[in-house]
Amino acid sequence: MIFYKAIGSSVAEDGSLVEPFFLIPIAWLFFIAGIVAGIILGIMGIVRKNQAKKRA
């Protein structure tokens, strides 16, 4: 959102809208990376919990 406000959008002389569309794939990349990291951390937590149960 900060980058979008900093870059802004404008209308070209031919009437087409010029916007920073490169931010959309970056947002998806961060979103998917967050989901993957959450899944990995969740699996690691489950594995560690099961290992602790086996030791006790």
PDB file of N, CA and C in Angstrom:
ATOM      1  N   MET A   1       0.822  -1.184   0.000  1.00  0.00           N
ATOM      2  CA  MET A   1       0.000   0.000   0.000  1.00  0.00           C
ATOM      3  C   MET A   1       0.875   1.261   0.000  1.00  0.00           C
ATOM      4  N   ILE A   2       1.972   1.197   0.735  1.00  0.00           N
ATOM      5  CA  ILE A   2       2.864   2.356   0.800  1.00  0.00           C
ATOM      6  C   ILE A   2       3.486   2.609  -0.569  1.00  0.00           C
ATOM      7  N   PHE A   3       3.933   1.532  -1.226  1.00  0.00           N
ATOM      8  CA  PHE A   3       4.539   1.694  -2.543  1.00  0.00           C
ATOM      9  C   PHE A   3       3.523   2.214  -3.549  1.00  0.00           C
ATOM     10  N   TYR A   4       2.297   1.734  -3.443  1.00  0.00           N
ATOM     11  CA  TYR A   4       1.256   2.173  -4.366  1.00  0.00           C
ATOM     12  C   TYR A   4       1.012   3.672  -4.217  1.00  0.00           C
ATOM     13  N   LYS A   5       0.955   4.139  -2.967  1.00  0.00           N
ATOM     14  CA  LYS A   5       0.742   5.570  -2.723  1.00  0.00           C
ATOM     15  C   LYS A   5       1.952   6.389  -3.184  1.00  0.00           C
ATOM     16  N   ALA A   6       3.161   5.838  -2.985  1.00  0.00           N
ATOM     17  CA  ALA A   6       4.373   6.561  -3.369  1.00  0.00           C
ATOM     18  C   ALA A   6       4.497   6.659  -4.887  1.00  0.00           C
ATOM     19  N   ILE A   7       4.176   5.559  -5.583  1.00  0.00           N
ATOM     20  CA  ILE A   7       4.298   5.544  -7.040  1.00  0.00           C
ATOM     21  C   ILE A   7       3.102   6.241  -7.673  1.00  0.00           C
ATOM     22  N   GLY A   8       1.914   5.924  -7.170  1.00  0.00           N
ATOM     23  CA  GLY A   8       0.695   6.537  -7.689  1.00  0.00           C
ATOM     24  C   GLY A   8       0.291   5.984  -9.032  1.00  0.00           C
ATOM     25  N   SER A   9      -0.760   6.530  -9.563  1.00  0.00           N
ATOM     26  CA  SER A   9      -1.220   6.152 -10.891  1.00  0.00           C
ATOM     27  C   SER A   9      -1.491   7.429 -11.666  1.00  0.00           C
ATOM     28  N   SER A  10      -1.497   7.291 -12.984  1.00  0.00           N
ATOM     29  CA  SER A  10      -1.718   8.467 -13.820  1.00  0.00           C
ATOM     30  C   SER A  10      -2.421   8.045 -15.100  1.00  0.00           C
ATOM     31  N   VAL A  11      -2.879   9.030 -15.823  1.00  0.00           N
ATOM     32  CA  VAL A  11      -3.517   8.780 -17.110  1.00  0.00           C
ATOM     33  C   VAL A  11      -2.573   9.276 -18.194  1.00  0.00           C
ATOM     34  N   ALA A  12      -2.235   8.362 -19.111  1.00  0.00           N
ATOM     35  CA  ALA A  12      -1.336   8.714 -20.211  1.00  0.00           C
ATOM     36  C   ALA A  12      -2.063   9.624 -21.207  1.00  0.00           C
ATOM     37  N   GLU A  13      -1.317  10.193 -22.116  1.00  0.00           N
ATOM     38  CA  GLU A  13      -1.909  11.107 -23.101  1.00  0.00           C
ATOM     39  C   GLU A  13      -2.915  10.423 -24.006  1.00  0.00           C
ATOM     40  N   ASP A  14      -2.742   9.106 -24.231  1.00  0.00           N
ATOM     41  CA  ASP A  14      -3.692   8.383 -25.081  1.00  0.00           C
ATOM     42  C   ASP A  14      -4.937   7.947 -24.306  1.00  0.00           C
ATOM     43  N   GLY A  15      -5.014   8.276 -23.028  1.00  0.00           N
ATOM     44  CA  GLY A  15      -6.197   7.971 -22.221  1.00  0.00           C
ATOM     45  C   GLY A  15      -6.104   6.677 -21.444  1.00  0.00           C
ATOM     46  N   SER A  16      -4.985   5.955 -21.553  1.00  0.00           N
ATOM     47  CA  SER A  16      -4.849   4.695 -20.823  1.00  0.00           C
ATOM     48  C   SER A  16      -4.350   4.970 -19.404  1.00  0.00           C
ATOM     49  N   LEU A  17      -4.785   4.129 -18.503  1.00  0.00           N
ATOM     50  CA  LEU A  17      -4.416   4.270 -17.101  1.00  0.00           C
ATOM     51  C   LEU A  17      -3.072   3.588 -16.855  1.00  0.00           C
ATOM     52  N   VAL A  18      -2.163   4.271 -16.214  1.00  0.00           N
ATOM     53  CA  VAL A  18      -0.833   3.747 -15.913  1.00  0.00           C
ATOM     54  C   VAL A  18      -0.769   3.524 -14.407  1.00  0.00           C
ATOM     55  N   GLU A  19      -0.683   2.232 -14.017  1.00  0.00           N
ATOM     56  CA  GLU A  19      -0.645   1.871 -12.598  1.00  0.00           C
ATOM     57  C   GLU A  19       0.522   0.923 -12.342  1.00  0.00           C
ATOM     58  N   PRO A  20       0.954   0.823 -11.086  1.00  0.00           N
ATOM     59  CA  PRO A  20       2.075  -0.070 -10.745  1.00  0.00           C
ATOM     60  C   PRO A  20       1.609  -1.521 -10.595  1.00  0.00           C
ATOM     61  N   PHE A  21       1.349  -2.197 -11.696  1.00  0.00           N
ATOM     62  CA  PHE A  21       0.839  -3.563 -11.654  1.00  0.00           C
ATOM     63  C   PHE A  21       1.888  -4.576 -11.210  1.00  0.00           C
ATOM     64  N   PHE A  22       3.165  -4.190 -11.163  1.00  0.00           N
ATOM     65  CA  PHE A  22       4.192  -5.125 -10.714  1.00  0.00           C
ATOM     66  C   PHE A  22       4.015  -5.459  -9.236  1.00  0.00           C
ATOM     67  N   LEU A  23       3.251  -4.668  -8.505  1.00  0.00           N
ATOM     68  CA  LEU A  23       3.049  -4.930  -7.078  1.00  0.00           C
ATOM     69  C   LEU A  23       2.111  -6.119  -6.841  1.00  0.00           C
ATOM     70  N   ILE A  24       1.265  -6.440  -7.809  1.00  0.00           N
ATOM     71  CA  ILE A  24       0.323  -7.552  -7.642  1.00  0.00           C
ATOM     72  C   ILE A  24       1.054  -8.889  -7.509  1.00  0.00           C
ATOM     73  N   PRO A  25       1.985  -9.243  -8.414  1.00  0.00           N
ATOM     74  CA  PRO A  25       2.692 -10.512  -8.240  1.00  0.00           C
ATOM     75  C   PRO A  25       3.553 -10.552  -6.980  1.00  0.00           C
ATOM     76  N   ILE A  26       4.109  -9.417  -6.587  1.00  0.00           N
ATOM     77  CA  ILE A  26       4.911  -9.381  -5.364  1.00  0.00           C
ATOM     78  C   ILE A  26       4.030  -9.672  -4.159  1.00  0.00           C
ATOM     79  N   ALA A  27       2.823  -9.119  -4.153  1.00  0.00           N
ATOM     80  CA  ALA A  27       1.885  -9.377  -3.059  1.00  0.00           C
ATOM     81  C   ALA A  27       1.527 -10.857  -2.999  1.00  0.00           C
ATOM     82  N   TRP A  28       1.266 -11.467  -4.163  1.00  0.00           N
ATOM     83  CA  TRP A  28       0.954 -12.900  -4.188  1.00  0.00           C
ATOM     84  C   TRP A  28       2.144 -13.731  -3.714  1.00  0.00           C
ATOM     85  N   LEU A  29       3.342 -13.326  -4.089  1.00  0.00           N
ATOM     86  CA  LEU A  29       4.545 -14.040  -3.666  1.00  0.00           C
ATOM     87  C   LEU A  29       4.663 -14.040  -2.143  1.00  0.00           C
ATOM     88  N   PHE A  30       4.483 -12.874  -1.529  1.00  0.00           N
ATOM     89  CA  PHE A  30       4.551 -12.788  -0.070  1.00  0.00           C
ATOM     90  C   PHE A  30       3.421 -13.554   0.593  1.00  0.00           C
ATOM     91  N   PHE A  31       2.234 -13.520   0.009  1.00  0.00           N
ATOM     92  CA  PHE A  31       1.084 -14.244   0.556  1.00  0.00           C
ATOM     93  C   PHE A  31       1.340 -15.751   0.545  1.00  0.00           C
ATOM     94  N   ILE A  32       1.792 -16.266  -0.578  1.00  0.00           N
ATOM     95  CA  ILE A  32       2.061 -17.701  -0.694  1.00  0.00           C
ATOM     96  C   ILE A  32       3.240 -18.096   0.182  1.00  0.00           C
ATOM     97  N   ALA A  33       4.273 -17.270   0.256  1.00  0.00           N
ATOM     98  CA  ALA A  33       5.418 -17.562   1.121  1.00  0.00           C
ATOM     99  C   ALA A  33       4.980 -17.627   2.581  1.00  0.00           C
ATOM    100  N   GLY A  34       4.073 -16.760   2.974  1.00  0.00           N
ATOM    101  CA  GLY A  34       3.557 -16.793   4.348  1.00  0.00           C
ATOM    102  C   GLY A  34       2.775 -18.053   4.640  1.00  0.00           C
ATOM    103  N   ILE A  35       1.974 -18.489   3.690  1.00  0.00           N
ATOM    104  CA  ILE A  35       1.210 -19.728   3.867  1.00  0.00           C
ATOM    105  C   ILE A  35       2.154 -20.920   3.960  1.00  0.00           C
ATOM    106  N   VAL A  36       3.142 -20.977   3.067  1.00  0.00           N
ATOM    107  CA  VAL A  36       4.109 -22.086   3.078  1.00  0.00           C
ATOM    108  C   VAL A  36       4.886 -22.101   4.395  1.00  0.00           C
ATOM    109  N   ALA A  37       5.322 -20.936   4.852  1.00  0.00           N
ATOM    110  CA  ALA A  37       6.056 -20.867   6.117  1.00  0.00           C
ATOM    111  C   ALA A  37       5.172 -21.321   7.275  1.00  0.00           C
ATOM    112  N   GLY A  38       3.912 -20.932   7.265  1.00  0.00           N
ATOM    113  CA  GLY A  38       2.993 -21.364   8.312  1.00  0.00           C
ATOM    114  C   GLY A  38       2.786 -22.868   8.313  1.00  0.00           C
ATOM    115  N   ILE A  39       2.663 -23.455   7.139  1.00  0.00           N
ATOM    116  CA  ILE A  39       2.496 -24.906   7.042  1.00  0.00           C
ATOM    117  C   ILE A  39       3.744 -25.618   7.543  1.00  0.00           C
ATOM    118  N   ILE A  40       4.906 -25.153   7.125  1.00  0.00           N
ATOM    119  CA  ILE A  40       6.165 -25.778   7.552  1.00  0.00           C
ATOM    120  C   ILE A  40       6.326 -25.685   9.071  1.00  0.00           C
ATOM    121  N   LEU A  41       6.069 -24.501   9.628  1.00  0.00           N
ATOM    122  CA  LEU A  41       6.190 -24.342  11.077  1.00  0.00           C
ATOM    123  C   LEU A  41       5.165 -25.187  11.818  1.00  0.00           C
ATOM    124  N   GLY A  42       3.973 -25.308  11.267  1.00  0.00           N
ATOM    125  CA  GLY A  42       2.958 -26.158  11.879  1.00  0.00           C
ATOM    126  C   GLY A  42       3.372 -27.622  11.887  1.00  0.00           C
ATOM    127  N   ILE A  43       3.904 -28.094  10.771  1.00  0.00           N
ATOM    128  CA  ILE A  43       4.357 -29.488  10.694  1.00  0.00           C
ATOM    129  C   ILE A  43       5.521 -29.719  11.649  1.00  0.00           C
ATOM    130  N   MET A  44       6.457 -28.766  11.706  1.00  0.00           N
ATOM    131  CA  MET A  44       7.588 -28.911  12.626  1.00  0.00           C
ATOM    132  C   MET A  44       7.108 -28.953  14.075  1.00  0.00           C
ATOM    133  N   GLY A  45       6.113 -28.158  14.415  1.00  0.00           N
ATOM    134  CA  GLY A  45       5.572 -28.175  15.775  1.00  0.00           C
ATOM    135  C   GLY A  45       4.914 -29.496  16.108  1.00  0.00           C
ATOM    136  N   ILE A  46       4.176 -30.048  15.162  1.00  0.00           N
ATOM    137  CA  ILE A  46       3.523 -31.347  15.384  1.00  0.00           C
ATOM    138  C   ILE A  46       4.563 -32.438  15.560  1.00  0.00           C
ATOM    139  N   VAL A  47       5.606 -32.421  14.714  1.00  0.00           N
ATOM    140  CA  VAL A  47       6.659 -33.440  14.798  1.00  0.00           C
ATOM    141  C   VAL A  47       7.382 -33.341  16.141  1.00  0.00           C
ATOM    142  N   ARG A  48       7.715 -32.143  16.571  1.00  0.00           N
ATOM    143  CA  ARG A  48       8.397 -31.967  17.843  1.00  0.00           C
ATOM    144  C   ARG A  48       7.511 -32.417  19.014  1.00  0.00           C
ATOM    145  N   LYS A  49       6.233 -32.141  18.921  1.00  0.00           N
ATOM    146  CA  LYS A  49       5.306 -32.544  19.970  1.00  0.00           C
ATOM    147  C   LYS A  49       5.231 -34.067  20.065  1.00  0.00           C
ATOM    148  N   ASN A  50       5.196 -34.718  18.910  1.00  0.00           N
ATOM    149  CA  ASN A  50       5.145 -36.184  18.886  1.00  0.00           C
ATOM    150  C   ASN A  50       6.449 -36.790  19.400  1.00  0.00           C
ATOM    151  N   GLN A  51       7.586 -36.173  19.092  1.00  0.00           N
ATOM    152  CA  GLN A  51       8.873 -36.671  19.574  1.00  0.00           C
ATOM    153  C   GLN A  51       8.952 -36.517  21.084  1.00  0.00           C
ATOM    154  N   ALA A  52       8.427 -35.442  21.622  1.00  0.00           N
ATOM    155  CA  ALA A  52       8.436 -35.224  23.076  1.00  0.00           C
ATOM    156  C   ALA A  52       7.566 -36.265  23.769  1.00  0.00           C
ATOM    157  N   LYS A  53       6.449 -36.635  23.156  1.00  0.00           N
ATOM    158  CA  LYS A  53       5.577 -37.666  23.738  1.00  0.00           C
ATOM    159  C   LYS A  53       6.268 -39.024  23.744  1.00  0.00           C
ATOM    160  N   LYS A  54       7.013 -39.328  22.687  1.00  0.00           N
ATOM    161  CA  LYS A  54       7.698 -40.614  22.597  1.00  0.00           C
ATOM    162  C   LYS A  54       8.812 -40.723  23.643  1.00  0.00           C
ATOM    163  N   ARG A  55       9.458 -39.621  23.970  1.00  0.00           N
ATOM    164  CA  ARG A  55      10.550 -39.629  24.951  1.00  0.00           C
ATOM    165  C   ARG A  55      10.015 -39.781  26.372  1.00  0.00           C
ATOM    166  N   ALA A  56       8.825 -39.279  26.604  1.00  0.00           N
ATOM    167  CA  ALA A  56       8.291 -39.304  27.975  1.00  0.00           C
ATOM    168  C   ALA A  56       7.710 -40.634  28.348  1.00  0.00           C
TER     169      ALA A  56
END
